[in-house]
N, C-alpha and C. Protein backbone atom coordinates (compact mmCIF):
# COMPACT_ATOMS: atom_id res chain seq x y z
N MET A 1 19.95 -25.59 26.77
CA MET A 1 19.60 -25.25 25.42
C MET A 1 18.18 -25.68 25.12
N GLY A 2 17.33 -24.77 24.60
CA GLY A 2 15.97 -25.10 24.25
C GLY A 2 15.90 -25.86 22.93
N GLU A 3 14.75 -26.42 22.67
CA GLU A 3 14.58 -27.22 21.45
C GLU A 3 14.85 -26.39 20.20
N PHE A 4 14.52 -25.09 20.23
CA PHE A 4 14.66 -24.27 19.03
C PHE A 4 15.85 -23.31 19.13
N ASP A 5 16.79 -23.58 20.00
CA ASP A 5 17.99 -22.78 20.09
C ASP A 5 18.89 -23.19 18.92
N ASN A 6 18.96 -22.32 17.91
CA ASN A 6 19.61 -22.72 16.66
C ASN A 6 21.02 -22.16 16.50
N LYS A 7 21.66 -21.73 17.57
CA LYS A 7 23.01 -21.17 17.47
C LYS A 7 23.99 -22.17 16.86
N ASP A 8 23.89 -23.44 17.25
CA ASP A 8 24.82 -24.45 16.78
C ASP A 8 24.21 -25.37 15.73
N LYS A 9 23.02 -25.04 15.24
CA LYS A 9 22.35 -25.89 14.27
C LYS A 9 22.97 -25.70 12.88
N GLU A 10 23.11 -26.81 12.19
CA GLU A 10 23.58 -26.77 10.82
C GLU A 10 22.40 -26.47 9.91
N GLU A 11 22.62 -25.61 8.95
CA GLU A 11 21.56 -25.31 8.00
C GLU A 11 21.40 -26.49 7.04
N ILE A 12 20.16 -26.85 6.80
CA ILE A 12 19.85 -27.94 5.88
C ILE A 12 19.75 -27.40 4.47
N PHE A 13 19.23 -26.19 4.35
CA PHE A 13 19.09 -25.52 3.07
C PHE A 13 19.13 -24.03 3.34
N ALA A 14 19.76 -23.27 2.45
CA ALA A 14 19.83 -21.82 2.62
C ALA A 14 19.69 -21.14 1.27
N LYS A 15 18.94 -20.06 1.26
CA LYS A 15 18.76 -19.25 0.06
C LYS A 15 18.77 -17.79 0.49
N SER A 16 19.55 -16.97 -0.21
CA SER A 16 19.54 -15.54 0.09
C SER A 16 19.07 -14.79 -1.15
N VAL A 17 18.37 -13.68 -0.90
CA VAL A 17 17.82 -12.87 -1.97
C VAL A 17 18.17 -11.42 -1.68
N ARG A 18 18.94 -10.80 -2.57
CA ARG A 18 19.24 -9.38 -2.44
C ARG A 18 18.12 -8.59 -3.10
N ALA A 19 17.63 -7.59 -2.38
CA ALA A 19 16.53 -6.77 -2.88
C ALA A 19 16.79 -5.33 -2.46
N GLY A 20 17.44 -4.58 -3.32
CA GLY A 20 17.76 -3.20 -2.99
C GLY A 20 18.74 -3.13 -1.84
N LYS A 21 18.38 -2.38 -0.80
CA LYS A 21 19.26 -2.23 0.36
C LYS A 21 19.09 -3.35 1.38
N ARG A 22 18.22 -4.29 1.09
CA ARG A 22 17.95 -5.38 2.02
C ARG A 22 18.40 -6.71 1.43
N THR A 23 18.68 -7.64 2.32
CA THR A 23 18.92 -9.02 1.93
C THR A 23 17.99 -9.89 2.76
N TYR A 24 17.35 -10.83 2.12
CA TYR A 24 16.47 -11.76 2.80
C TYR A 24 17.13 -13.13 2.79
N PHE A 25 17.12 -13.79 3.95
CA PHE A 25 17.70 -15.11 4.09
C PHE A 25 16.59 -16.09 4.44
N PHE A 26 16.50 -17.17 3.69
CA PHE A 26 15.56 -18.25 3.94
C PHE A 26 16.39 -19.46 4.33
N ASP A 27 16.28 -19.90 5.57
CA ASP A 27 17.10 -21.00 6.08
C ASP A 27 16.22 -22.10 6.64
N VAL A 28 16.44 -23.32 6.14
CA VAL A 28 15.77 -24.50 6.68
C VAL A 28 16.68 -25.10 7.73
N LYS A 29 16.12 -25.32 8.91
CA LYS A 29 16.87 -25.91 10.03
C LYS A 29 16.04 -27.05 10.60
N ALA A 30 16.62 -27.78 11.54
CA ALA A 30 15.91 -28.91 12.14
C ALA A 30 15.97 -28.80 13.66
N THR A 31 14.88 -29.22 14.28
CA THR A 31 14.85 -29.31 15.74
C THR A 31 15.66 -30.54 16.16
N LYS A 32 15.81 -30.72 17.45
CA LYS A 32 16.53 -31.91 17.95
C LYS A 32 15.85 -33.20 17.51
N SER A 33 14.53 -33.13 17.33
CA SER A 33 13.80 -34.32 16.88
C SER A 33 13.75 -34.41 15.35
N ASN A 34 14.60 -33.63 14.67
CA ASN A 34 14.75 -33.63 13.22
C ASN A 34 13.48 -33.18 12.49
N ASP A 35 12.74 -32.27 13.08
CA ASP A 35 11.56 -31.69 12.45
C ASP A 35 11.99 -30.37 11.81
N TYR A 36 11.79 -30.20 10.50
CA TYR A 36 12.24 -29.00 9.79
C TYR A 36 11.38 -27.79 10.11
N TYR A 37 12.01 -26.63 10.11
CA TYR A 37 11.31 -25.35 10.22
C TYR A 37 12.08 -24.33 9.40
N LEU A 38 11.45 -23.20 9.13
CA LEU A 38 12.03 -22.16 8.29
C LEU A 38 12.28 -20.91 9.12
N THR A 39 13.44 -20.31 8.93
CA THR A 39 13.66 -18.97 9.47
C THR A 39 13.78 -18.02 8.29
N ILE A 40 13.12 -16.89 8.40
CA ILE A 40 13.20 -15.83 7.40
C ILE A 40 13.82 -14.64 8.10
N THR A 41 14.94 -14.17 7.56
CA THR A 41 15.66 -13.05 8.17
C THR A 41 15.77 -11.92 7.16
N GLU A 42 15.40 -10.72 7.59
CA GLU A 42 15.62 -9.52 6.81
C GLU A 42 16.84 -8.84 7.40
N SER A 43 17.80 -8.50 6.57
CA SER A 43 19.01 -7.83 7.02
C SER A 43 19.18 -6.54 6.24
N LYS A 44 19.40 -5.45 6.97
CA LYS A 44 19.58 -4.15 6.33
C LYS A 44 20.78 -3.46 6.95
N LYS A 45 21.64 -2.93 6.11
CA LYS A 45 22.83 -2.22 6.56
C LYS A 45 22.43 -0.85 7.08
N ARG A 46 22.86 -0.53 8.30
CA ARG A 46 22.58 0.77 8.93
C ARG A 46 23.89 1.41 9.33
N PHE A 47 23.93 2.73 9.24
CA PHE A 47 25.12 3.46 9.67
C PHE A 47 24.88 4.09 11.03
N THR A 48 25.87 3.98 11.89
CA THR A 48 25.78 4.56 13.22
C THR A 48 26.19 6.03 13.17
N ASP A 49 25.99 6.74 14.27
CA ASP A 49 26.34 8.17 14.33
C ASP A 49 27.82 8.42 14.08
N ASP A 50 28.68 7.46 14.43
CA ASP A 50 30.12 7.66 14.24
C ASP A 50 30.60 7.19 12.86
N GLY A 51 29.67 6.89 11.95
CA GLY A 51 30.04 6.55 10.58
C GLY A 51 30.30 5.07 10.34
N LYS A 52 30.28 4.26 11.38
CA LYS A 52 30.46 2.82 11.21
C LYS A 52 29.12 2.22 10.80
N PHE A 53 29.16 0.99 10.32
CA PHE A 53 27.91 0.36 9.96
C PHE A 53 27.67 -0.90 10.76
N THR A 54 26.41 -1.21 10.85
CA THR A 54 25.96 -2.42 11.53
C THR A 54 24.82 -3.00 10.70
N TYR A 55 24.48 -4.23 10.94
CA TYR A 55 23.36 -4.84 10.24
C TYR A 55 22.19 -4.98 11.19
N GLU A 56 21.06 -4.42 10.80
CA GLU A 56 19.83 -4.55 11.56
C GLU A 56 19.12 -5.78 11.02
N LYS A 57 18.78 -6.70 11.91
CA LYS A 57 18.17 -7.95 11.46
C LYS A 57 16.83 -8.17 12.15
N HIS A 58 15.90 -8.71 11.37
CA HIS A 58 14.59 -9.10 11.88
C HIS A 58 14.37 -10.54 11.45
N LYS A 59 13.95 -11.38 12.35
CA LYS A 59 13.83 -12.80 12.06
C LYS A 59 12.47 -13.32 12.50
N ILE A 60 11.89 -14.20 11.66
CA ILE A 60 10.69 -14.92 12.06
C ILE A 60 10.94 -16.42 11.87
N PHE A 61 10.28 -17.18 12.69
CA PHE A 61 10.36 -18.64 12.61
C PHE A 61 9.02 -19.14 12.10
N LEU A 62 9.05 -20.03 11.12
CA LEU A 62 7.83 -20.55 10.54
C LEU A 62 7.90 -22.08 10.59
N TYR A 63 6.90 -22.67 11.25
CA TYR A 63 6.89 -24.12 11.46
C TYR A 63 5.94 -24.78 10.48
N LYS A 64 6.23 -26.05 10.16
CA LYS A 64 5.50 -26.79 9.12
C LYS A 64 3.99 -26.72 9.27
N GLU A 65 3.52 -26.81 10.49
CA GLU A 65 2.07 -26.82 10.69
C GLU A 65 1.43 -25.47 10.33
N ASP A 66 2.24 -24.43 10.17
CA ASP A 66 1.72 -23.11 9.82
C ASP A 66 1.96 -22.72 8.37
N PHE A 67 2.67 -23.54 7.60
CA PHE A 67 3.04 -23.19 6.22
C PHE A 67 1.81 -22.80 5.38
N ASP A 68 0.78 -23.64 5.35
CA ASP A 68 -0.37 -23.39 4.48
C ASP A 68 -1.10 -22.11 4.86
N LYS A 69 -1.35 -21.90 6.15
CA LYS A 69 -2.05 -20.69 6.58
C LYS A 69 -1.21 -19.45 6.30
N PHE A 70 0.11 -19.54 6.55
CA PHE A 70 1.00 -18.42 6.29
C PHE A 70 0.99 -18.09 4.81
N LEU A 71 1.12 -19.11 3.96
CA LEU A 71 1.14 -18.90 2.51
C LEU A 71 -0.19 -18.34 2.01
N ASP A 72 -1.31 -18.84 2.53
CA ASP A 72 -2.62 -18.30 2.15
C ASP A 72 -2.71 -16.81 2.49
N GLY A 73 -2.30 -16.46 3.70
CA GLY A 73 -2.35 -15.06 4.13
C GLY A 73 -1.41 -14.18 3.30
N LEU A 74 -0.22 -14.68 3.03
CA LEU A 74 0.74 -13.92 2.22
C LEU A 74 0.21 -13.72 0.81
N ASN A 75 -0.29 -14.79 0.18
CA ASN A 75 -0.82 -14.67 -1.18
C ASN A 75 -2.00 -13.72 -1.26
N GLU A 76 -2.91 -13.80 -0.29
CA GLU A 76 -4.06 -12.90 -0.28
C GLU A 76 -3.61 -11.45 -0.15
N THR A 77 -2.64 -11.21 0.70
CA THR A 77 -2.12 -9.86 0.91
C THR A 77 -1.41 -9.34 -0.34
N LEU A 78 -0.58 -10.18 -0.95
CA LEU A 78 0.12 -9.76 -2.17
C LEU A 78 -0.85 -9.52 -3.31
N ASP A 79 -1.87 -10.36 -3.46
CA ASP A 79 -2.88 -10.16 -4.50
C ASP A 79 -3.60 -8.82 -4.31
N TYR A 80 -3.91 -8.49 -3.06
CA TYR A 80 -4.56 -7.21 -2.77
C TYR A 80 -3.67 -6.04 -3.20
N ILE A 81 -2.41 -6.09 -2.82
CA ILE A 81 -1.49 -5.00 -3.18
C ILE A 81 -1.34 -4.90 -4.68
N LYS A 82 -1.18 -6.02 -5.37
CA LYS A 82 -1.01 -6.02 -6.83
C LYS A 82 -2.25 -5.44 -7.51
N LYS A 83 -3.43 -5.71 -6.97
CA LYS A 83 -4.67 -5.20 -7.54
C LYS A 83 -4.81 -3.70 -7.29
N GLU A 84 -4.54 -3.28 -6.05
CA GLU A 84 -4.73 -1.87 -5.67
C GLU A 84 -3.63 -0.96 -6.19
N GLN A 85 -2.39 -1.45 -6.21
CA GLN A 85 -1.26 -0.65 -6.67
C GLN A 85 -0.33 -1.52 -7.52
N PRO A 86 -0.70 -1.74 -8.77
CA PRO A 86 0.14 -2.58 -9.62
C PRO A 86 1.56 -2.04 -9.71
N TYR A 87 2.51 -2.96 -9.78
CA TYR A 87 3.93 -2.58 -9.87
C TYR A 87 4.23 -2.09 -11.27
N THR A 88 4.87 -0.94 -11.34
CA THR A 88 5.33 -0.40 -12.61
C THR A 88 6.84 -0.34 -12.55
N PRO A 89 7.52 -1.14 -13.39
CA PRO A 89 8.99 -1.12 -13.35
C PRO A 89 9.52 0.27 -13.68
N PRO A 90 10.69 0.61 -13.13
CA PRO A 90 11.28 1.91 -13.45
C PRO A 90 11.56 2.03 -14.94
N ILE A 91 11.43 3.24 -15.45
CA ILE A 91 11.71 3.51 -16.86
C ILE A 91 13.21 3.49 -17.07
N ARG A 92 13.65 2.77 -18.06
CA ARG A 92 15.07 2.71 -18.40
C ARG A 92 15.29 3.53 -19.66
N GLU A 93 16.19 4.47 -19.58
CA GLU A 93 16.55 5.27 -20.74
C GLU A 93 18.01 5.04 -21.04
N THR A 94 18.36 5.13 -22.30
CA THR A 94 19.74 4.94 -22.70
C THR A 94 20.39 6.30 -22.87
N SER A 95 21.53 6.49 -22.21
CA SER A 95 22.24 7.76 -22.31
C SER A 95 23.03 7.80 -23.61
N SER A 96 23.62 8.93 -23.89
CA SER A 96 24.37 9.11 -25.13
C SER A 96 25.55 8.16 -25.26
N ASN A 97 26.08 7.64 -24.13
CA ASN A 97 27.21 6.72 -24.21
C ASN A 97 26.76 5.26 -24.31
N GLY A 98 25.45 5.04 -24.45
CA GLY A 98 24.94 3.70 -24.67
C GLY A 98 24.65 2.92 -23.41
N THR A 99 24.92 3.52 -22.24
CA THR A 99 24.62 2.80 -21.00
C THR A 99 23.18 3.08 -20.59
N SER A 100 22.65 2.22 -19.80
CA SER A 100 21.27 2.34 -19.36
C SER A 100 21.23 3.00 -17.99
N ASP A 101 20.45 4.05 -17.86
CA ASP A 101 20.26 4.73 -16.57
C ASP A 101 18.87 4.40 -16.07
N SER A 102 18.75 4.21 -14.77
CA SER A 102 17.47 3.87 -14.17
C SER A 102 16.85 5.11 -13.55
N TYR A 103 15.58 5.31 -13.82
CA TYR A 103 14.84 6.43 -13.24
C TYR A 103 13.63 5.89 -12.53
N SER A 104 13.30 6.49 -11.42
CA SER A 104 12.10 6.07 -10.71
C SER A 104 10.92 6.84 -11.24
N ASN A 105 9.72 6.33 -11.01
CA ASN A 105 8.52 7.00 -11.49
C ASN A 105 7.86 7.81 -10.38
N VAL A 106 8.65 8.39 -9.48
CA VAL A 106 8.16 9.25 -8.41
C VAL A 106 8.07 10.67 -8.95
N SER A 107 6.92 11.31 -8.75
CA SER A 107 6.77 12.68 -9.22
C SER A 107 7.23 13.64 -8.13
N PHE A 108 7.55 14.85 -8.51
CA PHE A 108 8.02 15.84 -7.55
C PHE A 108 6.95 16.17 -6.51
N GLU A 109 5.68 16.06 -6.90
CA GLU A 109 4.59 16.32 -5.95
C GLU A 109 4.63 15.30 -4.80
N ASP A 110 5.12 14.07 -5.06
CA ASP A 110 5.18 13.03 -4.04
C ASP A 110 6.27 13.30 -2.99
N LEU A 111 7.27 14.11 -3.32
CA LEU A 111 8.42 14.30 -2.46
C LEU A 111 8.11 15.07 -1.18
N ASP A 112 7.13 15.95 -1.21
CA ASP A 112 6.86 16.73 -0.01
C ASP A 112 5.74 16.13 0.84
N LYS A 113 5.37 14.90 0.55
CA LYS A 113 4.32 14.23 1.34
C LYS A 113 4.91 13.52 2.51
């Protein structure tokens, strides 16, 4: 077993975030020498050709010595996106029965691109 083989590692802290069709998992784990690191996992439900489903997962490992550089790069990237393409929440309209329906702000011209 390698130092970072985390199959049998107990999670020290775990947080999951549902975001649309994806779920993100943030898990703090420890090496054998009790040094903490973070795993970030993206999980997305996929359907196979026979109609069954499976979860497609992508995982990254982030170590303490890289936290500041990773966060700097992430913040710079997010700031760029927010500046170039600000997020506009979907328009919520109330139907005749009083419930709220969600509509996206995608125009029909965007659909054939």
